[in-house]
Each structure stands twice: as C-alpha cells, then as structure tokens.
Amino acid sequence: EYTNDDKYKNLAQKHTIAARKRLEAGGGPVEN
C-alpha cells in the first residue's frame, strides 16, 4: 500500500493460497 510495488502483493497473494491450504487441511491450526 505504501510503495505500490507489486513484489509485496505477489508474495502476499501466495500467502492467501497457503491460508486456503491451512483451512482445507483442518485440525489444530484452525480449531481456535
């Protein structure tokens, strides 16, 4: 947001994918 540099957005969007995998895996990491 501060720099408008896509390198930050691109990595953050990969984190969204990782967060989806976490939710689909279930178990302790999403039981809270």
Full PDB file with SEQRES, HELIX, SHEET, SSBOND, CRYST1, ORIGX, SCALE, CONECT and MASTER records, all heavy atoms in Angstrom:
SEQRES   1 A   32  GLU TYR THR ASN ASP ASP LYS TYR LYS ASN LEU ALA GLN          
SEQRES   2 A   32  LYS HIS THR ILE ALA ALA ARG LYS ARG LEU GLU ALA GLY          
SEQRES   3 A   32  GLY GLY PRO VAL GLU ASN                                      
HELIX    1 AA1 ASP A    6  ALA A   25  1                                  20    
HELIX    2 AA2 GLY A   28  VAL A   30  5                                   3    
CRYST1    1.000    1.000    1.000  90.00  90.00  90.00 P 1           1          
ORIGX1      1.000000  0.000000  0.000000        0.00000                         
ORIGX2      0.000000  1.000000  0.000000        0.00000                         
ORIGX3      0.000000  0.000000  1.000000        0.00000                         
SCALE1      1.000000  0.000000  0.000000        0.00000                         
SCALE2      0.000000  1.000000  0.000000        0.00000                         
SCALE3      0.000000  0.000000  1.000000        0.00000                         
ATOM      1  N   GLU A   1       0.828  -1.210   0.000  1.00  0.00           N  
ATOM      2  CA  GLU A   1       0.000   0.000   0.000  1.00  0.00           C  
ATOM      3  C   GLU A   1       0.864   1.263   0.000  1.00  0.00           C  
ATOM      4  O   GLU A   1       0.546   2.242  -0.674  1.00  0.00           O  
ATOM      5  CB  GLU A   1      -0.931  -0.002   1.209  1.00  0.00           C  
ATOM      6  CG  GLU A   1      -1.881   1.167   1.241  1.00  0.00           C  
ATOM      7  CD  GLU A   1      -2.926   1.063   2.327  1.00  0.00           C  
ATOM      8  OE1 GLU A   1      -2.812   0.194   3.215  1.00  0.00           O  
ATOM      9  OE2 GLU A   1      -3.872   1.872   2.300  1.00  0.00           O  
ATOM     10  N   TYR A   2       1.951   1.231   0.736  1.00  0.00           N  
ATOM     11  CA  TYR A   2       2.813   2.419   0.843  1.00  0.00           C  
ATOM     12  C   TYR A   2       3.648   2.630  -0.415  1.00  0.00           C  
ATOM     13  O   TYR A   2       3.863   3.774  -0.841  1.00  0.00           O  
ATOM     14  CB  TYR A   2       3.729   2.283   2.061  1.00  0.00           C  
ATOM     15  CG  TYR A   2       4.578   3.510   2.326  1.00  0.00           C  
ATOM     16  CD1 TYR A   2       4.031   4.645   2.907  1.00  0.00           C  
ATOM     17  CD2 TYR A   2       5.934   3.527   1.985  1.00  0.00           C  
ATOM     18  CE1 TYR A   2       4.810   5.776   3.146  1.00  0.00           C  
ATOM     19  CE2 TYR A   2       6.715   4.645   2.224  1.00  0.00           C  
ATOM     20  CZ  TYR A   2       6.150   5.773   2.809  1.00  0.00           C  
ATOM     21  OH  TYR A   2       6.920   6.886   3.034  1.00  0.00           O  
ATOM     22  N   THR A   3       4.133   1.554  -1.025  1.00  0.00           N  
ATOM     23  CA  THR A   3       5.070   1.680  -2.146  1.00  0.00           C  
ATOM     24  C   THR A   3       4.440   1.437  -3.512  1.00  0.00           C  
ATOM     25  O   THR A   3       5.000   1.852  -4.534  1.00  0.00           O  
ATOM     26  CB  THR A   3       6.225   0.675  -2.001  1.00  0.00           C  
ATOM     27  OG1 THR A   3       5.703  -0.662  -2.134  1.00  0.00           O  
ATOM     28  CG2 THR A   3       6.927   0.835  -0.666  1.00  0.00           C  
ATOM     29  N   ASN A   4       3.328   0.699  -3.525  1.00  0.00           N  
ATOM     30  CA  ASN A   4       2.696   0.266  -4.775  1.00  0.00           C  
ATOM     31  C   ASN A   4       3.611  -0.659  -5.578  1.00  0.00           C  
ATOM     32  O   ASN A   4       3.497  -0.761  -6.801  1.00  0.00           O  
ATOM     33  CB  ASN A   4       2.279   1.464  -5.641  1.00  0.00           C  
ATOM     34  CG  ASN A   4       1.151   1.108  -6.605  1.00  0.00           C  
ATOM     35  OD1 ASN A   4       0.290   0.288  -6.305  1.00  0.00           O  
ATOM     36  ND2 ASN A   4       1.169   1.710  -7.784  1.00  0.00           N  
ATOM     37  N   ASP A   5       4.505  -1.333  -4.880  1.00  0.00           N  
ATOM     38  CA  ASP A   5       5.429  -2.273  -5.516  1.00  0.00           C  
ATOM     39  C   ASP A   5       4.790  -3.667  -5.518  1.00  0.00           C  
ATOM     40  O   ASP A   5       4.498  -4.230  -4.459  1.00  0.00           O  
ATOM     41  CB  ASP A   5       6.754  -2.285  -4.761  1.00  0.00           C  
ATOM     42  CG  ASP A   5       7.842  -3.072  -5.488  1.00  0.00           C  
ATOM     43  OD1 ASP A   5       7.514  -4.023  -6.205  1.00  0.00           O  
ATOM     44  OD2 ASP A   5       9.023  -2.717  -5.320  1.00  0.00           O  
ATOM     45  N   ASP A   6       4.603  -4.219  -6.698  1.00  0.00           N  
ATOM     46  CA  ASP A   6       3.893  -5.489  -6.825  1.00  0.00           C  
ATOM     47  C   ASP A   6       4.602  -6.669  -6.171  1.00  0.00           C  
ATOM     48  O   ASP A   6       3.983  -7.710  -5.940  1.00  0.00           O  
ATOM     49  CB  ASP A   6       3.663  -5.815  -8.303  1.00  0.00           C  
ATOM     50  CG  ASP A   6       2.517  -5.022  -8.910  1.00  0.00           C  
ATOM     51  OD1 ASP A   6       1.732  -4.433  -8.141  1.00  0.00           O  
ATOM     52  OD2 ASP A   6       2.407  -4.988 -10.151  1.00  0.00           O  
ATOM     53  N   LYS A   7       5.891  -6.535  -5.878  1.00  0.00           N  
ATOM     54  CA  LYS A   7       6.587  -7.674  -5.261  1.00  0.00           C  
ATOM     55  C   LYS A   7       5.957  -8.040  -3.927  1.00  0.00           C  
ATOM     56  O   LYS A   7       5.915  -9.225  -3.560  1.00  0.00           O  
ATOM     57  CB  LYS A   7       8.076  -7.378  -5.101  1.00  0.00           C  
ATOM     58  CG  LYS A   7       8.427  -6.355  -4.021  1.00  0.00           C  
ATOM     59  CD  LYS A   7       9.937  -6.158  -3.915  1.00  0.00           C  
ATOM     60  CE  LYS A   7      10.298  -5.177  -2.791  1.00  0.00           C  
ATOM     61  NZ  LYS A   7      11.764  -4.955  -2.698  1.00  0.00           N  
ATOM     62  N   TYR A   8       5.465  -7.044  -3.198  1.00  0.00           N  
ATOM     63  CA  TYR A   8       4.820  -7.313  -1.906  1.00  0.00           C  
ATOM     64  C   TYR A   8       3.456  -7.964  -2.121  1.00  0.00           C  
ATOM     65  O   TYR A   8       3.098  -8.929  -1.439  1.00  0.00           O  
ATOM     66  CB  TYR A   8       4.670  -6.017  -1.115  1.00  0.00           C  
ATOM     67  CG  TYR A   8       5.965  -5.302  -0.838  1.00  0.00           C  
ATOM     68  CD1 TYR A   8       6.246  -4.074  -1.442  1.00  0.00           C  
ATOM     69  CD2 TYR A   8       6.910  -5.839   0.023  1.00  0.00           C  
ATOM     70  CE1 TYR A   8       7.437  -3.397  -1.182  1.00  0.00           C  
ATOM     71  CE2 TYR A   8       8.110  -5.182   0.284  1.00  0.00           C  
ATOM     72  CZ  TYR A   8       8.367  -3.959  -0.332  1.00  0.00           C  
ATOM     73  OH  TYR A   8       9.543  -3.297  -0.085  1.00  0.00           O  
ATOM     74  N   LYS A   9       2.693  -7.439  -3.053  1.00  0.00           N  
ATOM     75  CA  LYS A   9       1.372  -8.005  -3.341  1.00  0.00           C  
ATOM     76  C   LYS A   9       1.491  -9.439  -3.823  1.00  0.00           C  
ATOM     77  O   LYS A   9       0.717 -10.319  -3.396  1.00  0.00           O  
ATOM     78  CB  LYS A   9       0.661  -7.156  -4.397  1.00  0.00           C  
ATOM     79  CG  LYS A   9      -0.726  -7.677  -4.772  1.00  0.00           C  
ATOM     80  CD  LYS A   9      -1.383  -6.841  -5.860  1.00  0.00           C  
ATOM     81  CE  LYS A   9      -0.735  -7.083  -7.205  1.00  0.00           C  
ATOM     82  NZ  LYS A   9      -1.471  -6.420  -8.305  1.00  0.00           N  
ATOM     83  N   ASN A  10       2.447  -9.702  -4.697  1.00  0.00           N  
ATOM     84  CA  ASN A  10       2.580 -11.042  -5.266  1.00  0.00           C  
ATOM     85  C   ASN A  10       2.881 -12.083  -4.201  1.00  0.00           C  
ATOM     86  O   ASN A  10       2.323 -13.195  -4.216  1.00  0.00           O  
ATOM     87  CB  ASN A  10       3.681 -11.046  -6.333  1.00  0.00           C  
ATOM     88  CG  ASN A  10       3.321 -10.211  -7.544  1.00  0.00           C  
ATOM     89  OD1 ASN A  10       2.138  -9.933  -7.796  1.00  0.00           O  
ATOM     90  ND2 ASN A  10       4.325  -9.790  -8.303  1.00  0.00           N  
ATOM     91  N   LEU A  11       3.751 -11.736  -3.255  1.00  0.00           N  
ATOM     92  CA  LEU A  11       4.046 -12.678  -2.173  1.00  0.00           C  
ATOM     93  C   LEU A  11       2.863 -12.802  -1.226  1.00  0.00           C  
ATOM     94  O   LEU A  11       2.523 -13.906  -0.788  1.00  0.00           O  
ATOM     95  CB  LEU A  11       5.306 -12.252  -1.417  1.00  0.00           C  
ATOM     96  CG  LEU A  11       5.733 -13.180  -0.276  1.00  0.00           C  
ATOM     97  CD1 LEU A  11       5.884 -14.632  -0.760  1.00  0.00           C  
ATOM     98  CD2 LEU A  11       7.039 -12.698   0.351  1.00  0.00           C  
ATOM     99  N   ALA A  12       2.211 -11.693  -0.936  1.00  0.00           N  
ATOM    100  CA  ALA A  12       1.048 -11.743  -0.049  1.00  0.00           C  
ATOM    101  C   ALA A  12      -0.048 -12.633  -0.629  1.00  0.00           C  
ATOM    102  O   ALA A  12      -0.732 -13.355   0.105  1.00  0.00           O  
ATOM    103  CB  ALA A  12       0.524 -10.335   0.197  1.00  0.00           C  
ATOM    104  N   GLN A  13      -0.229 -12.598  -1.940  1.00  0.00           N  
ATOM    105  CA  GLN A  13      -1.244 -13.443  -2.562  1.00  0.00           C  
ATOM    106  C   GLN A  13      -0.870 -14.921  -2.486  1.00  0.00           C  
ATOM    107  O   GLN A  13      -1.754 -15.779  -2.380  1.00  0.00           O  
ATOM    108  CB  GLN A  13      -1.471 -13.011  -4.009  1.00  0.00           C  
ATOM    109  CG  GLN A  13      -2.212 -11.681  -4.104  1.00  0.00           C  
ATOM    110  CD  GLN A  13      -2.618 -11.332  -5.519  1.00  0.00           C  
ATOM    111  OE1 GLN A  13      -1.773 -11.032  -6.368  1.00  0.00           O  
ATOM    112  NE2 GLN A  13      -3.910 -11.375  -5.794  1.00  0.00           N  
ATOM    113  N   LYS A  14       0.427 -15.230  -2.496  1.00  0.00           N  
ATOM    114  CA  LYS A  14       0.852 -16.610  -2.262  1.00  0.00           C  
ATOM    115  C   LYS A  14       0.509 -17.031  -0.832  1.00  0.00           C  
ATOM    116  O   LYS A  14       0.189 -18.197  -0.577  1.00  0.00           O  
ATOM    117  CB  LYS A  14       2.344 -16.753  -2.535  1.00  0.00           C  
ATOM    118  CG  LYS A  14       2.708 -16.618  -4.008  1.00  0.00           C  
ATOM    119  CD  LYS A  14       4.202 -16.750  -4.243  1.00  0.00           C  
ATOM    120  CE  LYS A  14       4.536 -16.614  -5.726  1.00  0.00           C  
ATOM    121  NZ  LYS A  14       5.993 -16.716  -5.996  1.00  0.00           N  
ATOM    122  N   HIS A  15       0.567 -16.084   0.071  1.00  0.00           N  
ATOM    123  CA  HIS A  15       0.174 -16.374   1.451  1.00  0.00           C  
ATOM    124  C   HIS A  15      -1.316 -16.693   1.543  1.00  0.00           C  
ATOM    125  O   HIS A  15      -1.732 -17.489   2.386  1.00  0.00           O  
ATOM    126  CB  HIS A  15       0.503 -15.183   2.352  1.00  0.00           C  
ATOM    127  CG  HIS A  15       1.959 -15.023   2.644  1.00  0.00           C  
ATOM    128  ND1 HIS A  15       2.433 -14.231   3.652  1.00  0.00           N  
ATOM    129  CD2 HIS A  15       3.062 -15.560   2.059  1.00  0.00           C  
ATOM    130  CE1 HIS A  15       3.758 -14.285   3.685  1.00  0.00           C  
ATOM    131  NE2 HIS A  15       4.155 -15.077   2.724  1.00  0.00           N  
ATOM    132  N   THR A  16      -2.127 -16.048   0.704  1.00  0.00           N  
ATOM    133  CA  THR A  16      -3.560 -16.363   0.680  1.00  0.00           C  
ATOM    134  C   THR A  16      -3.765 -17.820   0.291  1.00  0.00           C  
ATOM    135  O   THR A  16      -4.604 -18.526   0.878  1.00  0.00           O  
ATOM    136  CB  THR A  16      -4.296 -15.447  -0.308  1.00  0.00           C  
ATOM    137  OG1 THR A  16      -4.087 -14.083   0.059  1.00  0.00           O  
ATOM    138  CG2 THR A  16      -5.793 -15.735  -0.299  1.00  0.00           C  
ATOM    139  N   ILE A  17      -3.006 -18.287  -0.675  1.00  0.00           N  
ATOM    140  CA  ILE A  17      -3.098 -19.684  -1.096  1.00  0.00           C  
ATOM    141  C   ILE A  17      -2.689 -20.611   0.041  1.00  0.00           C  
ATOM    142  O   ILE A  17      -3.331 -21.634   0.312  1.00  0.00           O  
ATOM    143  CB  ILE A  17      -2.226 -19.927  -2.340  1.00  0.00           C  
ATOM    144  CG1 ILE A  17      -2.765 -19.115  -3.521  1.00  0.00           C  
ATOM    145  CG2 ILE A  17      -2.168 -21.414  -2.684  1.00  0.00           C  
ATOM    146  CD1 ILE A  17      -1.851 -19.113  -4.727  1.00  0.00           C  
ATOM    147  N   ALA A  18      -1.632 -20.245   0.767  1.00  0.00           N  
ATOM    148  CA  ALA A  18      -1.194 -21.041   1.916  1.00  0.00           C  
ATOM    149  C   ALA A  18      -2.264 -21.067   3.002  1.00  0.00           C  
ATOM    150  O   ALA A  18      -2.480 -22.091   3.660  1.00  0.00           O  
ATOM    151  CB  ALA A  18       0.113 -20.485   2.473  1.00  0.00           C  
ATOM    152  N   ALA A  19      -2.940 -19.935   3.182  1.00  0.00           N  
ATOM    153  CA  ALA A  19      -4.004 -19.867   4.178  1.00  0.00           C  
ATOM    154  C   ALA A  19      -5.186 -20.749   3.779  1.00  0.00           C  
ATOM    155  O   ALA A  19      -5.842 -21.353   4.633  1.00  0.00           O  
ATOM    156  CB  ALA A  19      -4.460 -18.416   4.358  1.00  0.00           C  
ATOM    157  N   ARG A  20      -5.473 -20.845   2.485  1.00  0.00           N  
ATOM    158  CA  ARG A  20      -6.518 -21.755   1.994  1.00  0.00           C  
ATOM    159  C   ARG A  20      -6.144 -23.205   2.285  1.00  0.00           C  
ATOM    160  O   ARG A  20      -6.975 -23.991   2.771  1.00  0.00           O  
ATOM    161  CB  ARG A  20      -6.733 -21.522   0.497  1.00  0.00           C  
ATOM    162  CG  ARG A  20      -7.468 -22.645  -0.238  1.00  0.00           C  
ATOM    163  CD  ARG A  20      -8.872 -22.886   0.305  1.00  0.00           C  
ATOM    164  NE  ARG A  20      -9.813 -21.868  -0.136  1.00  0.00           N  
ATOM    165  CZ  ARG A  20     -11.095 -21.843   0.225  1.00  0.00           C  
ATOM    166  NH1 ARG A  20     -11.570 -22.782   1.050  1.00  0.00           N  
ATOM    167  NH2 ARG A  20     -11.901 -20.879  -0.182  1.00  0.00           N  
ATOM    168  N   LYS A  21      -4.905 -23.557   2.018  1.00  0.00           N  
ATOM    169  CA  LYS A  21      -4.448 -24.919   2.285  1.00  0.00           C  
ATOM    170  C   LYS A  21      -4.567 -25.251   3.774  1.00  0.00           C  
ATOM    171  O   LYS A  21      -4.922 -26.374   4.138  1.00  0.00           O  
ATOM    172  CB  LYS A  21      -3.004 -25.086   1.816  1.00  0.00           C  
ATOM    173  CG  LYS A  21      -2.837 -25.058   0.299  1.00  0.00           C  
ATOM    174  CD  LYS A  21      -1.373 -25.175  -0.098  1.00  0.00           C  
ATOM    175  CE  LYS A  21      -1.197 -25.143  -1.610  1.00  0.00           C  
ATOM    176  NZ  LYS A  21       0.249 -25.204  -2.000  1.00  0.00           N  
ATOM    177  N   ARG A  22      -4.269 -24.271   4.608  1.00  0.00           N  
ATOM    178  CA  ARG A  22      -4.388 -24.478   6.059  1.00  0.00           C  
ATOM    179  C   ARG A  22      -5.828 -24.782   6.440  1.00  0.00           C  
ATOM    180  O   ARG A  22      -6.099 -25.696   7.216  1.00  0.00           O  
ATOM    181  CB  ARG A  22      -3.881 -23.248   6.797  1.00  0.00           C  
ATOM    182  CG  ARG A  22      -4.090 -23.282   8.301  1.00  0.00           C  
ATOM    183  CD  ARG A  22      -3.486 -22.059   8.959  1.00  0.00           C  
ATOM    184  NE  ARG A  22      -3.696 -22.037  10.403  1.00  0.00           N  
ATOM    185  CZ  ARG A  22      -3.036 -21.248  11.245  1.00  0.00           C  
ATOM    186  NH1 ARG A  22      -2.111 -20.423  10.786  1.00  0.00           N  
ATOM    187  NH2 ARG A  22      -3.282 -21.288  12.536  1.00  0.00           N  
ATOM    188  N   LEU A  23      -6.751 -24.017   5.888  1.00  0.00           N  
ATOM    189  CA  LEU A  23      -8.163 -24.216   6.221  1.00  0.00           C  
ATOM    190  C   LEU A  23      -8.634 -25.584   5.745  1.00  0.00           C  
ATOM    191  O   LEU A  23      -9.352 -26.297   6.465  1.00  0.00           O  
ATOM    192  CB  LEU A  23      -9.007 -23.114   5.587  1.00  0.00           C  
ATOM    193  CG  LEU A  23     -10.471 -23.050   6.039  1.00  0.00           C  
ATOM    194  CD1 LEU A  23     -10.566 -22.637   7.506  1.00  0.00           C  
ATOM    195  CD2 LEU A  23     -11.266 -22.074   5.172  1.00  0.00           C  
ATOM    196  N   GLU A  24      -8.237 -25.980   4.542  1.00  0.00           N  
ATOM    197  CA  GLU A  24      -8.675 -27.260   3.992  1.00  0.00           C  
ATOM    198  C   GLU A  24      -8.049 -28.443   4.720  1.00  0.00           C  
ATOM    199  O   GLU A  24      -8.670 -29.505   4.832  1.00  0.00           O  
ATOM    200  CB  GLU A  24      -8.341 -27.315   2.499  1.00  0.00           C  
ATOM    201  CG  GLU A  24      -9.184 -26.339   1.671  1.00  0.00           C  
ATOM    202  CD  GLU A  24      -8.816 -26.341   0.203  1.00  0.00           C  
ATOM    203  OE1 GLU A  24      -7.763 -26.936  -0.153  1.00  0.00           O  
ATOM    204  OE2 GLU A  24      -9.562 -25.729  -0.594  1.00  0.00           O  
ATOM    205  N   ALA A  25      -6.850 -28.255   5.252  1.00  0.00           N  
ATOM    206  CA  ALA A  25      -6.191 -29.334   5.996  1.00  0.00           C  
ATOM    207  C   ALA A  25      -6.880 -29.586   7.324  1.00  0.00           C  
ATOM    208  O   ALA A  25      -6.896 -30.718   7.833  1.00  0.00           O  
ATOM    209  CB  ALA A  25      -4.718 -28.997   6.223  1.00  0.00           C  
ATOM    210  N   GLY A  26      -7.468 -28.542   7.912  1.00  0.00           N  
ATOM    211  CA  GLY A  26      -8.193 -28.684   9.170  1.00  0.00           C  
ATOM    212  C   GLY A  26      -7.278 -28.986  10.335  1.00  0.00           C  
ATOM    213  O   GLY A  26      -6.076 -28.734  10.306  1.00  0.00           O  
ATOM    214  N   GLY A  27      -7.862 -29.527  11.385  1.00  0.00           N  
ATOM    215  CA  GLY A  27      -7.082 -29.875  12.562  1.00  0.00           C  
ATOM    216  C   GLY A  27      -6.777 -28.687  13.453  1.00  0.00           C  
ATOM    217  O   GLY A  27      -7.357 -27.606  13.309  1.00  0.00           O  
ATOM    218  N   GLY A  28      -5.805 -28.883  14.345  1.00  0.00           N  
ATOM    219  CA  GLY A  28      -5.470 -27.893  15.358  1.00  0.00           C  
ATOM    220  C   GLY A  28      -5.226 -26.485  14.862  1.00  0.00           C  
ATOM    221  O   GLY A  28      -5.680 -25.519  15.495  1.00  0.00           O  
ATOM    222  N   PRO A  29      -4.525 -26.297  13.749  1.00  0.00           N  
ATOM    223  CA  PRO A  29      -4.229 -24.934  13.292  1.00  0.00           C  
ATOM    224  C   PRO A  29      -5.442 -24.078  12.943  1.00  0.00           C  
ATOM    225  O   PRO A  29      -5.312 -22.874  12.802  1.00  0.00           O  
ATOM    226  CB  PRO A  29      -3.363 -25.180  12.044  1.00  0.00           C  
ATOM    227  CG  PRO A  29      -2.692 -26.484  12.313  1.00  0.00           C  
ATOM    228  CD  PRO A  29      -3.737 -27.303  13.009  1.00  0.00           C  
ATOM    229  N   VAL A  30      -6.625 -24.699  12.791  1.00  0.00           N  
ATOM    230  CA  VAL A  30      -7.830 -23.888  12.546  1.00  0.00           C  
ATOM    231  C   VAL A  30      -8.913 -24.139  13.589  1.00  0.00           C  
ATOM    232  O   VAL A  30     -10.042 -23.671  13.445  1.00  0.00           O  
ATOM    233  CB  VAL A  30      -8.390 -24.123  11.127  1.00  0.00           C  
ATOM    234  CG1 VAL A  30      -7.459 -23.556  10.084  1.00  0.00           C  
ATOM    235  CG2 VAL A  30      -8.671 -25.597  10.862  1.00  0.00           C  
ATOM    236  N   GLU A  31      -8.579 -24.859  14.639  1.00  0.00           N  
ATOM    237  CA  GLU A  31      -9.547 -25.127  15.709  1.00  0.00           C  
ATOM    238  C   GLU A  31      -9.355 -24.124  16.840  1.00  0.00           C  
ATOM    239  O   GLU A  31      -9.024 -24.476  17.972  1.00  0.00           O  
ATOM    240  CB  GLU A  31      -9.389 -26.564  16.222  1.00  0.00           C  
ATOM    241  CG  GLU A  31      -9.696 -27.639  15.207  1.00  0.00           C  
ATOM    242  CD  GLU A  31     -11.157 -27.658  14.785  1.00  0.00           C  
ATOM    243  OE1 GLU A  31     -12.002 -27.135  15.542  1.00  0.00           O  
ATOM    244  OE2 GLU A  31     -11.453 -28.187  13.700  1.00  0.00           O  
ATOM    245  N   ASN A  32      -9.570 -22.832  16.536  1.00  0.00           N  
ATOM    246  CA  ASN A  32      -9.423 -21.790  17.542  1.00  0.00           C  
ATOM    247  C   ASN A  32     -10.106 -20.515  17.055  1.00  0.00           C  
ATOM    248  O   ASN A  32     -10.471 -20.398  15.889  1.00  0.00           O  
ATOM    249  CB  ASN A  32      -7.943 -21.535  17.846  1.00  0.00           C  
ATOM    250  CG  ASN A  32      -7.167 -21.143  16.605  1.00  0.00           C  
ATOM    251  OD1 ASN A  32      -7.307 -20.032  16.107  1.00  0.00           O  
ATOM    252  ND2 ASN A  32      -6.354 -22.062  16.084  1.00  0.00           N  
TER     253      ASN A  32                                                      
MASTER        0    0    0    2    0    0    0    6  252    1    0    3          
END                                                                             
